[in-house]
Amino acid sequence: MVTDSALTVSQLNTYVKMMFDSDSRLKRICVVGEISNFVNHYKTGHCYFSLKDEKSAVKAVMFAGSVQYLKFRPENGMRVYITGRVSVFERDGVYQIYAESMEPEGVGALMIAFEQLKKKLTAEGLFDNSNKKPLPQFPQKIGVVTSPVGAALQDIINVLSRRYPIAEIVFCPVAVQGVNCASENIKAINQLNTKNDIDLIIMGRGGGSVEDLWGYNDEQLVRAVASSKIPIISGVGHETDFTLCDFASDMRAPTPSAAAEIAVPDIEELYQLTDNLIFRADNAVDNYINTKKDYAKHLAMQLSLLDPRRIIENRSGEILSINKRLDIAINGIFAKNEAKLSVLSEKLKLLNPLFMIEKGYIPVYSNKKRVFEVNQLQKGDTITLNFVDGQAVCDVVDIKNTEN
């Protein structure tokens, strides 16, 4: 009977799985396609997705052991190369790809990971300028976080010693590439932040490939740089190299040497500036003193004008001048009045009867009345003639009228 040769579903799926597993071509296969239905199972760390092209699709799974080595985060719509094996999932009777590695098509995995993490941290505001701390103008202690054997350390020390030898360097040796790069840099930054006398941190290394610099794109290190209470200058790689630590730091420098240049002022320029300031200060003090001297002289002159003795002397001179003017005025008045008096005196003389008598004009009185005309007299009248020194009494013996 047919039922005697029937297989159970499990037996069928096991048989098909054995056939898949025995095919050597399916044990190591590379497939290219577009990711869809991507699910990241966070509890187990496994990733489940489909790989498709224009006509078909195939299920795929990547277990946590392989996921941990991914340099980027897979996303729907991303075209990738999957390397792994093809087998059957017996429970569902579905064949699928068991991915062991994954690489993005076109752009490298590291660049995709870089852009993905950059986008994430930018959205969080980790790179905002408002979070940047100002660099100290005159740092006294500078933490240097770099490799003890690389050229970057000597470059930084040489620049700092030449430009600002009074600054003290606190060196923290770290790995600048490899698996320990991020953790050692995080530890160094945290240790320096526990000190109260570190003014600035320079973190850097020389140039290298993207892989060499990849430790400086580690998310935890980037967060440590951004959260540092001490300002950090990032001088990682060469001028064209950019890491996420550059964006998180308070200042990005194109090279470690440039980071040291930015960190400190040039002491020779400070000497020149100091000399210039001293010169300007001396001139300012001299000008101030001279101005105050002139003002003091002005005040002394004003005070001398207010000196009572000076006032008395000035008033005495004014009084003498007034006295002279009064004497001249009085003498003038006296002279003028004397002249008037002389004129009036002469006039009075002319009106004085005695003056007229002295001139020979003798007043004639008759019966105590003044006689002015001969017609006022008659023969036999007694008349009185008044002279200066006395009177004469006469009798009229004859009268002659000039009109006859």
Protein backbone atom coordinates (compact mmCIF):
# COMPACT_ATOMS: atom_id res chain seq x y z
CA MET A 1 0.00 0.00 0.00
CA VAL A 2 0.98 3.58 -0.57
CA THR A 3 0.75 4.35 3.11
CA ASP A 4 3.54 1.91 3.85
CA SER A 5 6.05 4.05 1.95
CA ALA A 6 4.76 7.46 3.19
CA LEU A 7 7.23 9.82 4.89
CA THR A 8 6.47 12.06 7.76
CA VAL A 9 6.97 15.79 7.29
CA SER A 10 9.94 15.68 9.63
CA GLN A 11 11.50 12.83 7.66
CA LEU A 12 11.02 14.74 4.43
CA ASN A 13 12.54 17.92 5.81
CA THR A 14 15.46 15.96 7.29
CA TYR A 15 16.08 14.26 3.95
CA VAL A 16 16.00 17.54 2.03
CA LYS A 17 18.32 19.10 4.61
CA MET A 18 20.77 16.21 4.17
CA MET A 19 20.74 16.74 0.42
CA PHE A 20 21.46 20.46 0.84
CA ASP A 21 24.19 19.83 3.35
CA SER A 22 25.87 17.24 1.15
CA ASP A 23 26.15 19.60 -1.80
CA SER A 24 29.65 21.12 -1.59
CA ARG A 25 28.62 24.09 -3.72
CA LEU A 26 26.11 25.13 -1.05
CA LYS A 27 28.58 24.90 1.83
CA ARG A 28 30.39 28.11 0.79
CA ILE A 29 28.43 30.46 -1.38
CA CYS A 30 28.36 34.20 -2.03
CA VAL A 31 25.05 35.84 -2.95
CA VAL A 32 24.32 39.47 -3.81
CA GLY A 33 20.93 41.07 -3.29
CA GLU A 34 18.85 43.72 -1.52
CA ILE A 35 17.97 43.39 2.17
CA SER A 36 14.28 43.39 3.04
CA ASN A 37 12.18 42.48 6.10
CA PHE A 38 15.22 43.04 8.30
CA VAL A 39 14.69 42.13 11.97
CA ASN A 40 17.32 42.51 14.67
CA HIS A 41 16.49 40.14 17.53
CA TYR A 42 18.05 42.18 20.34
CA LYS A 43 17.64 39.51 23.03
CA THR A 44 19.58 36.85 21.15
CA GLY A 45 21.64 39.14 18.93
CA HIS A 46 20.57 37.22 15.78
CA CYS A 47 19.50 39.03 12.59
CA TYR A 48 16.74 37.74 10.30
CA PHE A 49 16.06 39.12 6.82
CA SER A 50 15.36 38.32 3.19
CA LEU A 51 17.70 38.81 0.27
CA LYS A 52 15.97 39.64 -3.01
CA ASP A 53 16.48 40.79 -6.57
CA GLU A 54 14.02 41.81 -9.27
CA LYS A 55 12.48 38.30 -9.58
CA SER A 56 13.11 36.26 -6.44
CA ALA A 57 13.76 36.29 -2.72
CA VAL A 58 15.48 33.98 -0.26
CA LYS A 59 15.39 33.96 3.52
CA ALA A 60 18.58 34.53 5.45
CA VAL A 61 19.78 34.52 9.03
CA MET A 62 23.00 35.77 10.69
CA PHE A 63 23.67 34.51 14.16
CA ALA A 64 25.05 36.70 16.96
CA GLY A 65 28.52 35.21 16.69
CA SER A 66 28.84 36.61 13.18
CA VAL A 67 26.85 39.81 13.79
CA GLN A 68 29.40 41.05 16.32
CA TYR A 69 32.01 41.37 13.57
CA LEU A 70 29.87 43.58 11.33
CA LYS A 71 31.36 47.03 10.76
CA PHE A 72 27.98 48.54 9.87
CA ARG A 73 24.31 48.17 10.69
CA PRO A 74 22.30 46.39 7.94
CA GLU A 75 19.19 48.25 6.78
CA ASN A 76 16.30 47.53 4.44
CA GLY A 77 17.05 48.49 0.83
CA MET A 78 20.80 48.05 1.24
CA ARG A 79 22.48 45.89 -1.43
CA VAL A 80 24.99 43.54 0.16
CA TYR A 81 27.20 40.56 -0.53
CA ILE A 82 26.38 37.61 1.73
CA THR A 83 28.92 34.82 2.27
CA GLY A 84 27.77 31.66 4.00
CA ARG A 85 26.06 28.32 3.47
CA VAL A 86 22.65 27.24 2.25
CA SER A 87 20.66 24.77 4.31
CA VAL A 88 17.13 23.86 5.37
CA PHE A 89 15.36 24.93 8.53
CA GLU A 90 13.72 21.61 9.32
CA ARG A 91 10.95 22.92 11.51
CA ASP A 92 9.43 25.07 8.76
CA GLY A 93 10.75 23.13 5.79
CA VAL A 94 12.28 26.31 4.41
CA TYR A 95 15.69 26.62 2.92
CA GLN A 96 17.68 29.73 3.78
CA ILE A 97 21.12 31.26 3.74
CA TYR A 98 23.09 31.08 6.97
CA ALA A 99 25.22 34.22 6.57
CA GLU A 100 28.70 34.22 8.08
CA SER A 101 29.82 37.63 6.70
CA MET A 102 28.24 40.61 4.99
CA GLU A 103 29.73 43.40 2.94
CA PRO A 104 27.88 46.34 1.40
CA GLU A 105 27.95 46.71 -2.35
CA GLY A 106 29.92 49.73 -3.62
CA VAL A 107 30.83 51.81 -0.55
CA GLY A 108 32.87 50.00 2.08
CA ALA A 109 31.36 48.71 5.29
CA LEU A 110 33.44 51.08 7.41
CA MET A 111 32.22 54.13 5.52
CA ILE A 112 28.62 53.02 5.90
CA ALA A 113 29.17 52.45 9.61
CA PHE A 114 30.82 55.87 9.84
CA GLU A 115 27.89 57.65 8.21
CA GLN A 116 25.31 55.67 10.19
CA LEU A 117 26.88 56.50 13.54
CA LYS A 118 27.52 60.10 12.51
CA LYS A 119 23.86 60.50 11.58
CA LYS A 120 22.76 59.00 14.89
CA LEU A 121 25.03 61.17 17.06
CA THR A 122 24.23 64.29 15.05
CA ALA A 123 20.52 63.70 15.69
CA GLU A 124 21.31 63.51 19.41
CA GLY A 125 23.01 66.92 19.22
CA LEU A 126 26.37 65.48 20.24
CA PHE A 127 28.22 67.55 17.62
CA ASP A 128 26.36 70.84 18.15
CA ASN A 129 28.53 73.95 18.41
CA SER A 130 26.58 74.93 21.52
CA ASN A 131 28.26 71.99 23.30
CA LYS A 132 31.78 73.12 22.41
CA LYS A 133 33.90 74.39 25.29
CA PRO A 134 36.22 77.37 24.77
CA LEU A 135 39.92 76.61 24.78
CA PRO A 136 41.96 78.19 27.59
CA GLN A 137 44.06 81.11 26.41
CA PHE A 138 47.07 80.28 28.58
CA PRO A 139 46.98 76.57 29.58
CA GLN A 140 49.32 75.63 32.40
CA LYS A 141 48.90 71.82 32.27
CA ILE A 142 48.17 69.96 29.04
CA GLY A 143 47.20 66.30 28.88
CA VAL A 144 48.59 64.52 25.82
CA VAL A 145 46.83 61.27 24.88
CA THR A 146 48.71 59.36 22.18
CA SER A 147 51.08 56.48 21.52
CA PRO A 148 54.43 56.49 23.36
CA VAL A 149 56.25 55.22 20.26
CA GLY A 150 54.67 57.21 17.44
CA ALA A 151 56.01 60.38 15.84
CA ALA A 152 52.91 62.26 16.98
CA LEU A 153 54.16 62.45 20.57
CA GLN A 154 57.50 63.99 19.58
CA ASP A 155 55.78 66.40 17.21
CA ILE A 156 53.44 67.60 19.96
CA ILE A 157 56.23 67.92 22.55
CA ASN A 158 58.50 69.79 20.11
CA VAL A 159 55.78 72.31 19.20
CA LEU A 160 54.68 72.86 22.81
CA SER A 161 58.29 73.25 24.00
CA ARG A 162 59.07 75.74 21.26
CA ARG A 163 55.91 77.82 21.43
CA TYR A 164 55.06 77.72 25.14
CA PRO A 165 57.77 76.06 27.25
CA ILE A 166 56.18 77.16 30.53
CA ALA A 167 53.29 74.69 30.04
CA GLU A 168 53.56 71.33 31.82
CA ILE A 169 52.83 68.20 29.77
CA VAL A 170 50.96 65.29 31.38
CA PHE A 171 51.46 62.29 29.07
CA CYS A 172 48.94 59.42 28.93
CA PRO A 173 50.23 56.56 26.72
CA VAL A 174 47.53 54.72 24.77
CA ALA A 175 47.11 52.42 21.79
CA VAL A 176 46.22 54.49 18.72
CA GLN A 177 44.91 51.61 16.61
CA GLY A 178 43.65 48.09 17.05
CA VAL A 179 41.13 46.57 19.41
CA ASN A 180 42.41 48.42 22.50
CA CYS A 181 42.50 51.89 20.93
CA ALA A 182 39.04 53.05 21.97
CA SER A 183 39.09 51.58 25.50
CA GLU A 184 42.54 52.98 26.36
CA ASN A 185 41.67 56.43 25.03
CA ILE A 186 38.43 56.41 27.04
CA LYS A 187 40.35 55.44 30.17
CA ALA A 188 42.94 58.20 29.62
CA ILE A 189 40.29 60.89 29.07
CA ASN A 190 38.38 59.80 32.18
CA GLN A 191 41.57 59.78 34.29
CA LEU A 192 42.53 63.28 33.17
CA ASN A 193 39.02 64.49 33.99
CA THR A 194 39.47 63.34 37.59
CA LYS A 195 42.31 65.85 38.02
CA ASN A 196 41.59 69.46 38.92
CA ASP A 197 44.65 71.05 37.35
CA ILE A 198 44.45 69.87 33.72
CA ASP A 199 43.51 72.81 31.47
CA LEU A 200 43.45 71.11 28.07
CA ILE A 201 43.70 67.68 26.42
CA ILE A 202 45.35 66.93 23.07
CA MET A 203 44.29 63.59 21.61
CA GLY A 204 46.00 62.48 18.42
CA ARG A 205 48.01 60.19 16.23
CA GLY A 206 49.61 60.29 12.80
CA GLY A 207 47.99 59.41 9.51
CA GLY A 208 46.87 55.97 8.45
CA SER A 209 44.23 53.98 6.63
CA VAL A 210 40.55 54.04 7.55
CA GLU A 211 41.09 50.78 9.40
CA ASP A 212 44.04 52.24 11.34
CA LEU A 213 41.97 55.24 12.45
CA TRP A 214 38.80 53.27 13.09
CA GLY A 215 39.21 53.23 16.87
CA TYR A 216 38.51 56.98 16.88
CA ASN A 217 35.06 56.26 15.39
CA ASP A 218 34.07 54.08 18.34
CA GLU A 219 30.75 55.29 19.75
CA GLN A 220 31.80 55.08 23.39
CA LEU A 221 35.03 56.99 22.74
CA VAL A 222 33.14 59.65 20.80
CA ARG A 223 30.74 60.06 23.72
CA ALA A 224 33.66 60.27 26.17
CA VAL A 225 35.21 63.06 24.11
CA ALA A 226 31.92 64.97 23.93
CA SER A 227 31.23 64.63 27.68
CA SER A 228 34.74 65.61 28.82
CA LYS A 229 34.71 68.56 31.23
CA ILE A 230 38.19 69.48 30.01
CA PRO A 231 38.37 70.96 26.48
CA ILE A 232 39.77 68.48 23.93
CA ILE A 233 41.64 69.17 20.70
CA SER A 234 41.47 66.25 18.27
CA GLY A 235 44.48 65.87 15.99
CA VAL A 236 43.92 62.43 14.51
CA GLY A 237 45.46 61.54 11.15
CA HIS A 238 46.36 63.93 8.37
CA GLU A 239 44.49 66.93 7.01
CA THR A 240 42.15 64.87 4.81
CA ASP A 241 41.36 62.33 7.53
CA PHE A 242 38.17 62.79 9.53
CA THR A 243 36.97 60.75 12.48
CA LEU A 244 33.89 61.09 14.65
CA CYS A 245 36.13 62.22 17.51
CA ASP A 246 36.96 65.27 15.38
CA PHE A 247 33.28 66.24 15.35
CA ALA A 248 32.81 65.57 19.07
CA SER A 249 35.93 67.43 20.20
CA ASP A 250 35.95 71.12 21.07
CA MET A 251 38.45 71.85 18.30
CA ARG A 252 39.62 69.76 15.35
CA ALA A 253 43.21 70.06 14.12
CA PRO A 254 44.41 68.61 10.79
CA THR A 255 47.51 67.03 12.37
CA PRO A 256 48.96 66.43 15.85
CA SER A 257 51.49 69.24 15.28
CA ALA A 258 48.66 71.60 14.32
CA ALA A 259 46.81 70.57 17.49
CA ALA A 260 49.82 71.67 19.55
CA GLU A 261 49.97 74.94 17.58
CA ILE A 262 46.32 75.62 18.38
CA ALA A 263 46.67 74.61 22.04
CA VAL A 264 49.14 77.27 23.13
CA PRO A 265 50.13 80.83 22.23
CA ASP A 266 53.58 81.71 20.87
CA ILE A 267 55.63 82.91 23.83
CA GLU A 268 57.74 85.15 21.57
CA GLU A 269 54.61 86.91 20.41
CA LEU A 270 53.56 87.24 24.05
CA TYR A 271 56.93 88.84 24.86
CA GLN A 272 56.45 91.32 22.03
CA LEU A 273 52.90 91.98 23.12
CA THR A 274 54.06 92.46 26.71
CA ASP A 275 56.80 94.89 25.65
CA ASN A 276 54.29 96.80 23.55
CA LEU A 277 51.82 96.92 26.44
CA ILE A 278 54.56 98.11 28.83
CA PHE A 279 55.57 100.81 26.32
CA ARG A 280 51.97 101.91 25.93
CA ALA A 281 51.44 101.81 29.69
CA ASP A 282 54.54 103.98 30.27
CA ASN A 283 53.31 106.50 27.71
CA ALA A 284 49.86 106.45 29.25
CA VAL A 285 51.29 107.02 32.73
CA ASP A 286 53.54 109.85 31.50
CA ASN A 287 50.64 111.48 29.68
CA TYR A 288 48.46 111.09 32.73
CA ILE A 289 51.10 112.59 35.03
CA ASN A 290 51.74 115.50 32.64
CA THR A 291 48.04 116.15 32.35
CA LYS A 292 47.65 116.15 36.10
CA LYS A 293 50.68 118.46 36.44
CA ASP A 294 49.14 120.93 34.02
CA TYR A 295 45.86 120.69 35.88
CA ALA A 296 47.67 121.22 39.20
CA LYS A 297 49.36 124.33 37.77
CA HIS A 298 46.00 125.58 36.60
CA LEU A 299 44.51 124.99 40.05
CA ALA A 300 47.50 126.69 41.70
CA MET A 301 46.99 129.71 39.45
CA GLN A 302 43.30 129.80 40.30
CA LEU A 303 44.11 129.46 44.02
CA SER A 304 46.63 132.27 43.78
CA LEU A 305 43.92 134.45 42.29
CA LEU A 306 41.75 133.62 45.29
CA ASP A 307 44.54 134.33 47.84
CA PRO A 308 43.31 137.09 50.25
CA ARG A 309 46.66 138.82 50.06
CA ARG A 310 46.47 138.81 46.28
CA ILE A 311 42.89 140.10 46.46
CA ILE A 312 43.91 142.84 48.94
CA GLU A 313 46.82 143.82 46.71
CA ASN A 314 44.55 143.95 43.67
CA ARG A 315 41.91 145.89 45.61
CA SER A 316 44.55 148.26 47.02
CA GLY A 317 45.70 149.04 43.53
CA GLU A 318 42.11 149.58 42.46
CA ILE A 319 41.52 151.88 45.48
CA LEU A 320 44.62 153.91 44.64
CA SER A 321 43.48 154.17 41.06
CA ILE A 322 40.02 155.27 42.23
CA ASN A 323 41.57 157.80 44.61
CA LYS A 324 43.62 159.25 41.78
CA ARG A 325 40.56 159.41 39.59
CA LEU A 326 38.61 161.03 42.47
CA ASP A 327 41.39 163.60 43.03
CA ILE A 328 41.43 164.42 39.35
CA ALA A 329 37.64 164.64 39.28
CA ILE A 330 37.48 166.79 42.42
CA ASN A 331 40.25 169.05 41.18
CA GLY A 332 38.45 169.36 37.92
CA ILE A 333 35.22 170.22 39.70
CA PHE A 334 37.05 172.74 41.89
CA ALA A 335 38.74 174.31 38.88
CA LYS A 336 35.50 174.45 36.97
CA ASN A 337 33.65 175.93 39.92
CA GLU A 338 36.47 178.40 40.58
CA ALA A 339 36.14 179.57 37.02
CA LYS A 340 32.40 179.89 37.43
CA LEU A 341 32.91 181.65 40.76
CA SER A 342 35.36 184.07 39.16
CA VAL A 343 32.86 184.86 36.46
CA LEU A 344 30.09 185.29 39.02
CA SER A 345 32.39 187.36 41.20
CA GLU A 346 33.05 189.69 38.32
CA LYS A 347 29.34 189.86 37.66
CA LEU A 348 28.70 190.57 41.34
CA LYS A 349 31.30 193.32 41.28
CA LEU A 350 29.45 194.94 38.47
CA LEU A 351 26.29 194.76 40.53
CA ASN A 352 27.93 196.00 43.75
CA PRO A 353 26.91 199.59 44.50
CA LEU A 354 30.24 200.21 46.15
CA PHE A 355 32.00 199.13 42.95
CA MET A 356 29.94 201.67 41.05
CA ILE A 357 30.67 204.32 43.64
CA GLU A 358 34.40 203.52 43.34
CA LYS A 359 33.99 204.11 39.65
CA GLY A 360 32.52 207.52 40.43
CA TYR A 361 28.88 206.74 40.14
CA ILE A 362 27.49 208.37 43.35
CA PRO A 363 23.90 207.46 44.31
CA VAL A 364 21.76 210.51 45.21
CA TYR A 365 19.04 210.32 47.82
CA SER A 366 16.40 212.89 48.66
CA ASN A 367 14.16 212.35 51.59
CA LYS A 368 15.61 208.77 51.74
CA LYS A 369 14.52 208.08 48.21
CA ARG A 370 16.86 207.36 45.36
CA VAL A 371 16.98 210.10 42.81
CA PHE A 372 17.54 208.99 39.23
CA GLU A 373 16.49 212.10 37.28
CA VAL A 374 17.03 215.81 37.76
CA ASN A 375 13.31 216.41 37.38
CA GLN A 376 12.86 214.75 40.78
CA LEU A 377 14.66 217.68 42.44
CA GLN A 378 13.83 221.35 43.12
CA LYS A 379 15.92 224.28 44.17
CA GLY A 380 16.45 224.30 47.84
CA ASP A 381 16.08 220.49 48.23
CA THR A 382 18.50 218.79 50.52
CA ILE A 383 20.17 215.72 48.95
CA THR A 384 22.48 213.06 50.35
CA LEU A 385 25.47 211.76 48.40
CA ASN A 386 26.68 208.26 49.49
CA PHE A 387 30.42 207.75 49.09
CA VAL A 388 32.46 204.69 49.90
CA ASP A 389 33.86 206.26 53.00
CA GLY A 390 30.86 208.27 54.05
CA GLN A 391 28.00 210.66 53.10
CA ALA A 392 27.74 214.30 52.02
CA VAL A 393 24.63 216.42 52.59
CA CYS A 394 24.15 219.14 49.98
CA ASP A 395 21.59 221.76 49.06
CA VAL A 396 20.34 222.14 45.50
CA VAL A 397 21.12 225.71 44.37
CA ASP A 398 20.25 225.29 40.72
CA ILE A 399 18.75 222.72 38.36
CA LYS A 400 19.74 222.33 34.76
CA ASN A 401 17.93 220.00 32.46
CA THR A 402 19.96 218.61 29.54
CA GLU A 403 16.93 218.62 27.39
CA ASN A 404 16.94 222.45 27.55
